[in-house]
């Protein structure tokens, strides 16, 4: 648009106004050129503006106030322009009182050329046709293609098991547990994430919302354990992959890893890779809780047995 606006100012900036080339649509300055090009890109009256810019008749404007036909338009060969005798001696014009045989636009001639750049209108035809083809048709098709692509993408997201809303919900729940945006939270809080998320990533609002169901989901996913911490993308990837019901093919897994590798944790060597997962962590917590419960019951039973003889004696 910028290039065509500059070209329009140079070619048609002084063309005589017509039925379509008026004060609302013209090339007199840069803002007006941009506006008329934007209007033409919508297909409105672009051919009418082109015809007005092809004007070659009655387009010489008399600008000298002393001229009897001041403010009127004539052809370049009109007698009114070439045969005006100067009666005032203080006025001097070329042609010994006449405007001369060869009419030329200048400050002293008193006429202004408001015709098309060429008498056949070829410049206007080429200019407007190229603009309409490039901007109106090509650009319009590009815009339509982008709209259709976005519509197709949104439709695919709606049909996907894990859509954009589920991703946003996961992000909201994670941000509450990670207010500093470190991308890491303690592995012990994985239960809270699953409990707060609605299906398919979580179990909130479903009948199966017990701790055993949460524990079952944790045991079915493979989330690396980084010294008691879990990563945002690894957790989201694992919970989303659980919906598929089967493991992703190795090729697809590699593609996904390549796309998000810049956001995943990095390790200097293979020995630094995490050896355990969040499932191992929670399994250890489960065993630890079971042992603690067993010990607590054992000590409670021992205390009850010690207190039993004293109660019998009384």
Protein backbone atom coordinates (compact mmCIF):
# COMPACT_ATOMS: atom_id res chain seq x y z
CA UNK A 1 0.00 0.00 0.00
CA UNK A 2 2.86 2.40 0.80
CA UNK A 3 4.47 2.01 -2.62
CA UNK A 4 1.19 2.30 -4.52
CA UNK A 5 0.22 5.37 -2.46
CA UNK A 6 3.46 7.14 -3.43
CA UNK A 7 3.02 6.16 -7.07
CA UNK A 8 -0.59 7.37 -7.03
CA UNK A 9 0.42 10.75 -5.66
CA UNK A 10 3.02 11.21 -8.40
CA UNK A 11 0.79 10.02 -11.24
CA UNK A 12 -2.70 11.22 -10.31
CA UNK A 13 -2.15 13.82 -7.59
CA UNK A 14 -3.28 16.71 -9.80
CA UNK A 15 -5.88 14.98 -11.96
CA UNK A 16 -9.16 16.85 -12.33
CA UNK A 17 -11.91 15.62 -9.96
CA UNK A 18 -14.69 13.60 -11.52
CA UNK A 19 -17.69 11.50 -10.59
CA UNK A 20 -15.63 9.07 -8.49
CA UNK A 21 -12.38 10.99 -7.98
CA UNK A 22 -13.65 13.57 -5.51
CA UNK A 23 -12.72 15.13 -2.18
CA UNK A 24 -13.37 11.83 -0.41
CA UNK A 25 -11.31 9.71 -2.83
CA UNK A 26 -8.21 11.27 -4.38
CA UNK A 27 -4.43 11.09 -4.54
CA UNK A 28 -3.70 14.67 -3.50
CA UNK A 29 -1.72 13.64 -0.39
CA UNK A 30 -0.36 10.51 1.27
CA UNK A 31 -3.19 9.88 3.80
CA UNK A 32 -5.82 10.34 1.08
CA UNK A 33 -3.92 7.96 -1.20
CA UNK A 34 -3.85 5.28 1.49
CA UNK A 35 -7.56 5.71 2.17
CA UNK A 36 -8.55 5.44 -1.48
CA UNK A 37 -6.33 2.38 -1.94
CA UNK A 38 -7.91 0.71 1.08
CA UNK A 39 -11.32 1.54 -0.34
CA UNK A 40 -10.33 0.08 -3.71
CA UNK A 41 -9.02 -3.09 -2.06
CA UNK A 42 -12.59 -3.81 -0.97
CA UNK A 43 -13.68 -3.59 -4.63
CA UNK A 44 -15.74 -0.41 -4.27
CA UNK A 45 -15.80 1.79 -7.42
CA UNK A 46 -12.18 1.11 -8.32
CA UNK A 47 -13.03 1.07 -12.05
CA UNK A 48 -14.79 4.42 -11.76
CA UNK A 49 -11.74 5.98 -10.11
CA UNK A 50 -9.58 4.48 -12.87
CA UNK A 51 -11.75 6.08 -15.58
CA UNK A 52 -11.53 9.47 -13.85
CA UNK A 53 -7.74 9.13 -13.78
CA UNK A 54 -7.71 8.57 -17.58
CA UNK A 55 -9.08 12.05 -18.27
CA UNK A 56 -7.51 13.77 -21.28
CA UNK A 57 -10.17 16.29 -22.33
CA UNK A 58 -11.25 19.54 -20.67
CA UNK A 59 -8.62 19.18 -17.99
CA UNK A 60 -6.58 22.41 -18.34
CA UNK A 61 -7.63 24.74 -15.51
CA UNK A 62 -7.31 28.51 -15.86
CA UNK A 63 -5.71 29.75 -12.64
CA UNK A 64 -4.97 33.38 -13.64
CA UNK A 65 -7.50 35.67 -12.00
CA UNK A 66 -7.14 38.26 -14.78
CA UNK A 67 -8.25 35.74 -17.38
CA UNK A 68 -11.92 36.07 -18.38
CA UNK A 69 -12.32 32.28 -18.11
CA UNK A 70 -10.75 32.01 -14.67
CA UNK A 71 -11.61 28.74 -12.86
CA UNK A 72 -12.85 26.97 -15.98
CA UNK A 73 -11.49 23.86 -17.72
CA UNK A 74 -10.55 23.63 -21.40
CA UNK A 75 -8.82 21.31 -23.80
CA UNK A 76 -5.15 21.91 -24.37
CA UNK A 77 -5.86 23.21 -27.87
CA UNK A 78 -8.83 25.40 -26.95
CA UNK A 79 -8.88 28.88 -28.49
CA UNK A 80 -9.78 30.40 -25.13
CA UNK A 81 -6.34 29.44 -23.85
CA UNK A 82 -4.27 30.38 -26.88
CA UNK A 83 -5.91 33.58 -28.09
CA UNK A 84 -6.29 35.71 -25.02
CA UNK A 85 -4.96 39.22 -25.75
CA UNK A 86 -3.39 40.98 -22.78
CA UNK A 87 -4.77 44.48 -22.44
CA UNK A 88 -2.97 45.38 -19.24
CA UNK A 89 0.58 46.48 -20.02
CA UNK A 90 1.72 45.51 -16.52
CA UNK A 91 1.02 41.88 -17.33
CA UNK A 92 3.56 40.05 -19.39
CA UNK A 93 2.90 36.64 -20.87
CA UNK A 94 4.72 34.63 -23.52
CA UNK A 95 3.47 35.12 -27.08
CA UNK A 96 3.32 38.95 -27.22
CA UNK A 97 0.05 39.22 -25.39
CA UNK A 98 -1.05 35.71 -26.23
CA UNK A 99 -0.51 32.44 -24.39
CA UNK A 100 1.52 31.12 -27.25
CA UNK A 101 1.16 28.25 -29.65
CA UNK A 102 2.65 25.57 -27.35
CA UNK A 103 0.75 25.59 -24.08
CA UNK A 104 2.97 24.76 -21.10
CA UNK A 105 2.19 24.70 -17.41
CA UNK A 106 4.21 27.22 -15.41
CA UNK A 107 3.79 29.79 -12.70
CA UNK A 108 3.45 32.58 -15.26
CA UNK A 109 1.26 30.85 -17.81
CA UNK A 110 -1.85 30.97 -15.64
CA UNK A 111 -3.01 27.45 -16.45
CA UNK A 112 -2.68 24.15 -14.61
CA UNK A 113 -2.53 20.74 -16.23
CA UNK A 114 -4.97 18.40 -14.46
CA UNK A 115 -5.00 15.74 -17.16
CA UNK A 116 -3.96 12.10 -16.94
CA UNK A 117 -0.21 11.34 -17.16
CA UNK A 118 -0.67 10.14 -20.75
CA UNK A 119 -3.40 10.91 -23.28
CA UNK A 120 -4.37 7.25 -23.77
CA UNK A 121 -4.76 6.35 -20.07
CA UNK A 122 -2.30 3.48 -20.24
CA UNK A 123 -0.63 4.49 -16.96
CA UNK A 124 -3.97 4.45 -15.13
CA UNK A 125 -4.95 1.09 -16.59
CA UNK A 126 -1.65 -0.53 -15.64
CA UNK A 127 -1.61 1.05 -12.17
CA UNK A 128 -5.14 0.12 -11.17
CA UNK A 129 -5.14 -3.34 -12.73
CA UNK A 130 -1.88 -4.32 -11.04
CA UNK A 131 -3.11 -3.00 -7.69
CA UNK A 132 -6.45 -4.79 -7.90
CA UNK A 133 -4.84 -8.07 -8.92
CA UNK A 134 -2.14 -7.95 -6.24
CA UNK A 135 -3.95 -6.36 -3.32
CA UNK A 136 -7.63 -7.01 -3.87
CA UNK A 137 -7.45 -10.59 -5.16
CA UNK A 138 -4.17 -12.01 -3.84
CA UNK A 139 -4.31 -10.35 -0.42
CA UNK A 140 -8.00 -11.13 -0.05
CA UNK A 141 -7.35 -14.79 -0.81
CA UNK A 142 -4.52 -14.82 1.71
CA UNK A 143 -6.81 -13.40 4.39
CA UNK A 144 -9.48 -15.97 3.57
CA UNK A 145 -6.86 -18.73 3.70
CA UNK A 146 -5.72 -17.60 7.15
CA UNK A 147 -9.32 -17.50 8.39
CA UNK A 148 -10.02 -20.98 7.05
CA UNK A 149 -6.80 -22.32 8.56
CA UNK A 150 -7.65 -20.87 11.96
CA UNK A 151 -11.16 -22.29 11.71
CA UNK A 152 -9.77 -25.71 10.83
CA UNK A 153 -7.29 -25.52 13.71
CA UNK A 154 -10.01 -24.54 16.18
CA UNK A 155 -12.20 -27.37 14.93
CA UNK A 156 -9.38 -29.85 15.37
CA UNK A 157 -8.77 -28.54 18.89
CA UNK A 158 -12.42 -29.04 19.75
CA UNK A 159 -12.30 -32.63 18.53
CA UNK A 160 -9.02 -33.35 20.36
CA UNK A 161 -9.31 -35.25 23.66
CA UNK A 162 -7.22 -32.56 25.37
CA UNK A 163 -8.25 -29.15 24.06
CA UNK A 164 -7.12 -25.61 24.67
CA UNK A 165 -9.49 -25.22 27.63
CA UNK A 166 -7.95 -28.21 29.37
CA UNK A 167 -4.47 -26.78 28.76
CA UNK A 168 -5.52 -23.42 30.19
CA UNK A 169 -7.11 -25.09 33.21
CA UNK A 170 -3.89 -27.00 33.86
CA UNK A 171 -1.91 -23.77 33.63
CA UNK A 172 -4.24 -22.01 36.10
CA UNK A 173 -4.01 -24.82 38.65
CA UNK A 174 -0.23 -25.01 38.27
CA UNK A 175 0.20 -21.24 38.73
CA UNK A 176 -1.49 -21.44 42.13
CA UNK A 177 1.11 -23.95 43.28
CA UNK A 178 3.99 -22.19 41.49
CA UNK A 179 3.37 -18.44 41.94
CA UNK A 180 6.98 -17.55 41.02
CA UNK A 181 6.74 -19.40 37.66
CA UNK A 182 9.75 -21.62 38.27
CA UNK A 183 8.17 -24.46 36.24
CA UNK A 184 8.74 -26.76 39.22
CA UNK A 185 6.54 -27.84 42.12
CA UNK A 186 7.07 -30.51 44.79
CA UNK A 187 6.13 -33.99 43.61
CA UNK A 188 3.93 -34.32 46.70
CA UNK A 189 1.53 -31.71 45.22
CA UNK A 190 0.78 -33.82 42.15
CA UNK A 191 -2.25 -35.20 43.96
CA UNK A 192 -3.61 -31.66 44.37
CA UNK A 193 -3.24 -30.96 40.64
CA UNK A 194 -5.11 -34.12 39.63
CA UNK A 195 -7.81 -33.43 42.21
CA UNK A 196 -8.31 -29.82 41.01
CA UNK A 197 -8.35 -30.59 37.27
CA UNK A 198 -11.53 -31.60 35.50
CA UNK A 199 -11.56 -34.52 33.06
CA UNK A 200 -9.78 -35.57 30.98
CA UNK A 201 -6.61 -34.44 32.79
CA UNK A 202 -8.05 -34.76 36.30
CA UNK A 203 -10.99 -36.19 38.20
CA UNK A 204 -12.68 -33.13 39.66
CA UNK A 205 -16.46 -33.37 39.54
CA UNK A 206 -16.51 -37.10 38.82
CA UNK A 207 -17.72 -39.96 40.97
CA UNK A 208 -14.24 -41.48 41.08
CA UNK A 209 -12.54 -38.72 43.05
CA UNK A 210 -11.12 -40.71 45.96
CA UNK A 211 -7.46 -40.86 46.93
CA UNK A 212 -7.15 -44.34 45.51
CA UNK A 213 -8.29 -43.07 42.10
CA UNK A 214 -5.76 -40.25 42.25
CA UNK A 215 -3.08 -42.71 43.24
CA UNK A 216 -4.05 -44.92 40.30
CA UNK A 217 -3.58 -42.03 37.85
CA UNK A 218 -0.19 -41.17 39.35
CA UNK A 219 0.97 -44.77 38.99
CA UNK A 220 -0.13 -44.87 35.33
CA UNK A 221 1.96 -41.88 34.18
CA UNK A 222 5.69 -41.45 33.78
CA UNK A 223 6.68 -38.06 35.22
CA UNK A 224 10.43 -37.66 35.94
CA UNK A 225 11.30 -36.89 39.54
CA UNK A 226 13.94 -34.17 39.85
CA UNK A 227 15.04 -34.54 43.48
CA UNK A 228 11.48 -34.30 44.76
CA UNK A 229 10.31 -31.81 42.09
CA UNK A 230 8.28 -32.26 38.89
CA UNK A 231 8.41 -30.05 35.77
CA UNK A 232 5.46 -28.24 34.17
CA UNK A 233 5.81 -29.56 30.60
CA UNK A 234 6.73 -33.09 31.64
CA UNK A 235 3.67 -33.28 33.87
CA UNK A 236 1.33 -31.87 31.21
CA UNK A 237 2.77 -34.19 28.56
CA UNK A 238 2.37 -37.25 30.78
CA UNK A 239 -1.21 -36.45 31.83
CA UNK A 240 -2.20 -35.70 28.23
CA UNK A 241 -0.58 -38.91 26.95
CA UNK A 242 -2.59 -40.92 29.46
CA UNK A 243 -5.80 -40.01 27.58
CA UNK A 244 -4.62 -41.83 24.46
CA UNK A 245 -4.74 -45.14 26.32
CA UNK A 246 -1.57 -46.38 24.59
CA UNK A 247 2.00 -45.19 24.41
CA UNK A 248 2.86 -42.80 21.60
CA UNK A 249 5.02 -44.18 18.79
CA UNK A 250 8.68 -43.45 19.31
CA UNK A 251 8.82 -41.20 16.24
CA UNK A 252 5.95 -39.04 17.50
CA UNK A 253 7.50 -38.91 20.95
CA UNK A 254 10.77 -37.67 19.44
CA UNK A 255 8.94 -34.98 17.42
CA UNK A 256 7.21 -33.68 20.52
CA UNK A 257 10.45 -33.70 22.48
CA UNK A 258 12.19 -31.74 19.74
CA UNK A 259 9.46 -29.08 19.74
CA UNK A 260 9.63 -28.49 23.49
CA UNK A 261 13.27 -29.36 24.16
CA UNK A 262 14.15 -25.71 24.77
CA UNK A 263 11.62 -25.62 27.62
CA UNK A 264 12.55 -28.94 29.21
CA UNK A 265 15.22 -29.41 31.90
CA UNK A 266 18.73 -29.95 30.59
CA UNK A 267 21.37 -32.32 31.99
CA UNK A 268 25.15 -32.32 31.48
CA UNK A 269 25.38 -36.10 30.96
CA UNK A 270 23.32 -39.28 31.05
CA UNK A 271 24.26 -39.99 34.65
CA UNK A 272 22.43 -36.82 35.70
CA UNK A 273 19.16 -37.99 34.16
CA UNK A 274 16.42 -38.67 36.72
CA UNK A 275 16.29 -42.35 37.64
CA UNK A 276 12.93 -42.23 39.39
CA UNK A 277 9.49 -40.91 38.57
CA UNK A 278 6.72 -39.27 40.50
CA UNK A 279 5.08 -42.70 40.68
CA UNK A 280 8.12 -44.01 42.57
CA UNK A 281 7.96 -41.01 44.86
CA UNK A 282 4.29 -41.52 45.71
CA UNK A 283 4.77 -45.26 46.02
CA UNK A 284 7.47 -44.56 48.60
CA UNK A 285 5.12 -42.16 50.38
CA UNK A 286 2.41 -44.83 50.33
CA UNK A 287 4.74 -47.45 51.79
CA UNK A 288 6.03 -44.93 54.31
CA UNK A 289 2.49 -44.11 55.40
CA UNK A 290 1.65 -47.80 55.66
CA UNK A 291 4.73 -48.48 57.82
CA UNK A 292 3.97 -45.49 60.02
CA UNK A 293 0.41 -46.68 60.42
CA UNK A 294 1.58 -50.16 61.29
CA UNK A 295 4.04 -48.82 63.88
CA UNK A 296 1.41 -46.51 65.34
CA UNK A 297 -1.04 -49.40 65.69
CA UNK A 298 1.69 -51.60 67.19
CA UNK A 299 2.60 -49.00 69.83
CA UNK A 300 -1.07 -48.37 70.55
CA UNK A 301 -1.66 -52.10 71.04
CA UNK A 302 1.37 -52.35 73.34
CA UNK A 303 0.08 -49.49 75.47
CA UNK A 304 -3.35 -51.08 75.70
CA UNK A 305 -1.78 -54.38 76.81
CA UNK A 306 0.26 -52.58 79.48
CA UNK A 307 -2.78 -50.80 80.80
CA UNK A 308 -4.94 -53.96 80.84
CA UNK A 309 -3.35 -55.59 84.03
CA UNK A 310 -3.63 -52.33 85.93
CA UNK A 311 -7.31 -52.10 85.08
CA UNK A 312 -7.86 -55.72 86.17
CA UNK A 313 -6.12 -55.11 89.49
CA UNK A 314 -8.40 -52.26 90.30
